[in-house]
Amino acid sequence: MGVRCCSGSSIISDKSSRISIAMNMKDLLIALVVLVMLCLLGPVVIGILSALVTVAPYLLAVVLILGVIAFFCK
C-alpha cells in the first residue's frame, strides 16, 4: 500500500510541458476573444456591406452623369 516511484515518471510534469500547456491555454483564450469579436462585429460589417451594395448603382449613376457633364463641358 505504499507509493511506487518510478525513476523516469512523475505526477508533476516537467517544466517544458507546463509551458506548452500554458501556451495552448493562451492560444485558446486568443481564439475565444477573436470568435467573440467576430460574433459582435460580424453583423455590423454585413450591414455596412449590404448598405454599400444597395447604394452602389445610384453612386455609379451619379459618377457617370458627372463624367458625361465633365466630358461635354470641356
N, C-alpha and C. Protein backbone atom coordinates (compact mmCIF):
# COMPACT_ATOMS: atom_id res chain seq x y z
N MET A 1 0.81 -1.18 0.00
CA MET A 1 0.00 0.00 0.00
C MET A 1 0.86 1.25 0.00
N GLY A 2 2.10 1.12 -0.31
CA GLY A 2 2.97 2.28 -0.36
C GLY A 2 2.92 2.95 -1.72
N VAL A 3 3.57 4.09 -1.83
CA VAL A 3 3.60 4.85 -3.09
C VAL A 3 4.76 4.35 -3.92
N ARG A 4 4.47 3.93 -5.15
CA ARG A 4 5.54 3.49 -6.04
C ARG A 4 6.10 4.70 -6.77
N CYS A 5 7.39 4.75 -6.86
CA CYS A 5 8.04 5.86 -7.55
C CYS A 5 8.94 5.27 -8.63
N CYS A 6 8.62 5.55 -9.86
CA CYS A 6 9.46 5.11 -10.96
C CYS A 6 10.47 6.20 -11.26
N SER A 7 11.61 5.82 -11.70
CA SER A 7 12.67 6.80 -11.88
C SER A 7 12.40 7.78 -13.02
N GLY A 8 11.70 7.36 -14.07
CA GLY A 8 11.51 8.25 -15.22
C GLY A 8 10.20 8.98 -15.24
N SER A 9 9.28 8.69 -14.33
CA SER A 9 7.98 9.34 -14.40
C SER A 9 7.72 10.15 -13.15
N SER A 10 6.82 11.09 -13.29
CA SER A 10 6.47 11.94 -12.17
C SER A 10 5.02 12.36 -12.32
N ILE A 11 4.34 12.56 -11.22
CA ILE A 11 2.96 13.05 -11.27
C ILE A 11 2.95 14.47 -11.81
N ILE A 12 3.89 15.28 -11.35
CA ILE A 12 4.01 16.66 -11.84
C ILE A 12 4.86 16.63 -13.10
N SER A 13 4.31 17.17 -14.19
CA SER A 13 5.05 17.12 -15.45
C SER A 13 6.21 18.09 -15.41
N ASP A 14 7.11 17.90 -16.34
CA ASP A 14 8.29 18.75 -16.37
C ASP A 14 7.93 20.17 -16.83
N LYS A 15 8.88 21.07 -16.72
CA LYS A 15 8.64 22.49 -16.97
C LYS A 15 8.26 22.78 -18.42
N SER A 16 8.87 22.08 -19.36
CA SER A 16 8.58 22.35 -20.77
C SER A 16 7.14 22.01 -21.13
N SER A 17 6.61 20.93 -20.58
CA SER A 17 5.22 20.59 -20.89
C SER A 17 4.26 21.54 -20.19
N ARG A 18 4.63 22.05 -19.01
CA ARG A 18 3.78 23.05 -18.35
C ARG A 18 3.75 24.33 -19.16
N ILE A 19 4.89 24.74 -19.71
CA ILE A 19 4.94 25.93 -20.57
C ILE A 19 4.11 25.70 -21.81
N SER A 20 4.19 24.50 -22.38
CA SER A 20 3.41 24.17 -23.57
C SER A 20 1.92 24.25 -23.28
N ILE A 21 1.51 23.74 -22.13
CA ILE A 21 0.09 23.81 -21.76
C ILE A 21 -0.32 25.26 -21.55
N ALA A 22 0.55 26.07 -20.94
CA ALA A 22 0.23 27.48 -20.74
C ALA A 22 0.11 28.19 -22.08
N MET A 23 0.98 27.88 -23.03
CA MET A 23 0.90 28.50 -24.35
C MET A 23 -0.39 28.07 -25.06
N ASN A 24 -0.77 26.81 -24.92
CA ASN A 24 -2.00 26.35 -25.53
C ASN A 24 -3.21 27.05 -24.93
N MET A 25 -3.20 27.27 -23.62
CA MET A 25 -4.29 27.99 -22.97
C MET A 25 -4.34 29.43 -23.46
N LYS A 26 -3.17 30.04 -23.64
CA LYS A 26 -3.12 31.42 -24.14
C LYS A 26 -3.67 31.47 -25.56
N ASP A 27 -3.30 30.52 -26.39
CA ASP A 27 -3.80 30.47 -27.76
C ASP A 27 -5.31 30.26 -27.79
N LEU A 28 -5.81 29.41 -26.91
CA LEU A 28 -7.25 29.18 -26.84
C LEU A 28 -7.98 30.44 -26.40
N LEU A 29 -7.41 31.17 -25.46
CA LEU A 29 -8.02 32.40 -25.00
C LEU A 29 -8.06 33.45 -26.11
N ILE A 30 -6.98 33.55 -26.87
CA ILE A 30 -6.93 34.48 -28.00
C ILE A 30 -7.97 34.08 -29.04
N ALA A 31 -8.08 32.80 -29.34
CA ALA A 31 -9.07 32.33 -30.31
C ALA A 31 -10.49 32.62 -29.83
N LEU A 32 -10.73 32.47 -28.54
CA LEU A 32 -12.05 32.75 -27.99
C LEU A 32 -12.38 34.23 -28.10
N VAL A 33 -11.42 35.09 -27.81
CA VAL A 33 -11.63 36.54 -27.93
C VAL A 33 -11.91 36.92 -29.38
N VAL A 34 -11.16 36.35 -30.31
CA VAL A 34 -11.38 36.64 -31.73
C VAL A 34 -12.77 36.17 -32.17
N LEU A 35 -13.17 35.01 -31.70
CA LEU A 35 -14.50 34.50 -32.06
C LEU A 35 -15.61 35.40 -31.53
N VAL A 36 -15.46 35.86 -30.29
CA VAL A 36 -16.46 36.77 -29.73
C VAL A 36 -16.49 38.09 -30.51
N MET A 37 -15.31 38.61 -30.87
CA MET A 37 -15.26 39.86 -31.65
C MET A 37 -15.93 39.68 -33.00
N LEU A 38 -15.70 38.54 -33.66
CA LEU A 38 -16.35 38.28 -34.94
C LEU A 38 -17.85 38.19 -34.79
N CYS A 39 -18.30 37.57 -33.71
CA CYS A 39 -19.75 37.46 -33.49
C CYS A 39 -20.37 38.81 -33.22
N LEU A 40 -19.65 39.69 -32.55
CA LEU A 40 -20.19 41.01 -32.25
C LEU A 40 -20.08 41.96 -33.43
N LEU A 41 -18.97 41.91 -34.16
CA LEU A 41 -18.75 42.85 -35.25
C LEU A 41 -19.23 42.33 -36.60
N GLY A 42 -19.47 41.04 -36.71
CA GLY A 42 -19.92 40.47 -37.98
C GLY A 42 -21.18 41.09 -38.52
N PRO A 43 -22.23 41.20 -37.72
CA PRO A 43 -23.46 41.82 -38.23
C PRO A 43 -23.27 43.27 -38.65
N VAL A 44 -22.40 44.01 -37.95
CA VAL A 44 -22.13 45.40 -38.31
C VAL A 44 -21.47 45.46 -39.69
N VAL A 45 -20.47 44.60 -39.90
CA VAL A 45 -19.77 44.58 -41.19
C VAL A 45 -20.73 44.16 -42.30
N ILE A 46 -21.56 43.16 -42.04
CA ILE A 46 -22.53 42.71 -43.04
C ILE A 46 -23.51 43.82 -43.36
N GLY A 47 -23.94 44.56 -42.34
CA GLY A 47 -24.86 45.68 -42.56
C GLY A 47 -24.24 46.77 -43.42
N ILE A 48 -22.98 47.10 -43.16
CA ILE A 48 -22.30 48.13 -43.95
C ILE A 48 -22.14 47.67 -45.39
N LEU A 49 -21.72 46.42 -45.58
CA LEU A 49 -21.56 45.90 -46.95
C LEU A 49 -22.90 45.85 -47.68
N SER A 50 -23.94 45.49 -46.97
CA SER A 50 -25.27 45.44 -47.57
C SER A 50 -25.72 46.84 -48.00
N ALA A 51 -25.46 47.84 -47.15
CA ALA A 51 -25.82 49.21 -47.50
C ALA A 51 -25.04 49.69 -48.71
N LEU A 52 -23.76 49.34 -48.78
CA LEU A 52 -22.96 49.75 -49.94
C LEU A 52 -23.46 49.09 -51.22
N VAL A 53 -23.83 47.82 -51.14
CA VAL A 53 -24.34 47.13 -52.32
C VAL A 53 -25.67 47.74 -52.76
N THR A 54 -26.47 48.16 -51.79
CA THR A 54 -27.76 48.77 -52.12
C THR A 54 -27.58 50.12 -52.78
N VAL A 55 -26.62 50.91 -52.33
CA VAL A 55 -26.43 52.27 -52.82
C VAL A 55 -25.52 52.31 -54.05
N ALA A 56 -24.76 51.26 -54.30
CA ALA A 56 -23.76 51.25 -55.37
C ALA A 56 -24.33 51.63 -56.74
N PRO A 57 -25.47 51.12 -57.18
CA PRO A 57 -25.96 51.52 -58.52
C PRO A 57 -26.23 53.02 -58.62
N TYR A 58 -26.74 53.62 -57.55
CA TYR A 58 -27.02 55.06 -57.57
C TYR A 58 -25.73 55.86 -57.61
N LEU A 59 -24.72 55.40 -56.84
CA LEU A 59 -23.43 56.08 -56.87
C LEU A 59 -22.80 55.97 -58.25
N LEU A 60 -22.93 54.82 -58.88
CA LEU A 60 -22.39 54.64 -60.22
C LEU A 60 -23.10 55.56 -61.22
N ALA A 61 -24.42 55.69 -61.08
CA ALA A 61 -25.18 56.57 -61.97
C ALA A 61 -24.73 58.02 -61.79
N VAL A 62 -24.53 58.46 -60.56
CA VAL A 62 -24.08 59.82 -60.30
C VAL A 62 -22.70 60.06 -60.89
N VAL A 63 -21.81 59.10 -60.72
CA VAL A 63 -20.45 59.24 -61.28
C VAL A 63 -20.50 59.30 -62.80
N LEU A 64 -21.34 58.47 -63.42
CA LEU A 64 -21.46 58.50 -64.88
C LEU A 64 -22.04 59.83 -65.37
N ILE A 65 -23.05 60.33 -64.69
CA ILE A 65 -23.64 61.62 -65.08
C ILE A 65 -22.62 62.74 -64.93
N LEU A 66 -21.87 62.73 -63.83
CA LEU A 66 -20.84 63.76 -63.65
C LEU A 66 -19.75 63.63 -64.71
N GLY A 67 -19.42 62.39 -65.08
CA GLY A 67 -18.43 62.19 -66.14
C GLY A 67 -18.91 62.71 -67.49
N VAL A 68 -20.18 62.47 -67.80
CA VAL A 68 -20.75 62.98 -69.06
C VAL A 68 -20.77 64.51 -69.05
N ILE A 69 -21.17 65.10 -67.93
CA ILE A 69 -21.19 66.57 -67.84
C ILE A 69 -19.78 67.12 -68.00
N ALA A 70 -18.80 66.51 -67.32
CA ALA A 70 -17.42 66.97 -67.44
C ALA A 70 -16.89 66.79 -68.86
N PHE A 71 -17.32 65.74 -69.56
CA PHE A 71 -16.85 65.48 -70.92
C PHE A 71 -17.37 66.55 -71.88
N PHE A 72 -18.66 66.90 -71.74
CA PHE A 72 -19.24 67.85 -72.67
C PHE A 72 -18.99 69.31 -72.29
N CYS A 73 -18.58 69.58 -71.08
CA CYS A 73 -18.31 70.96 -70.66
C CYS A 73 -16.86 71.37 -70.84
N LYS A 74 -16.09 70.61 -71.57
CA LYS A 74 -14.68 70.94 -71.81
C LYS A 74 -14.57 72.18 -72.65
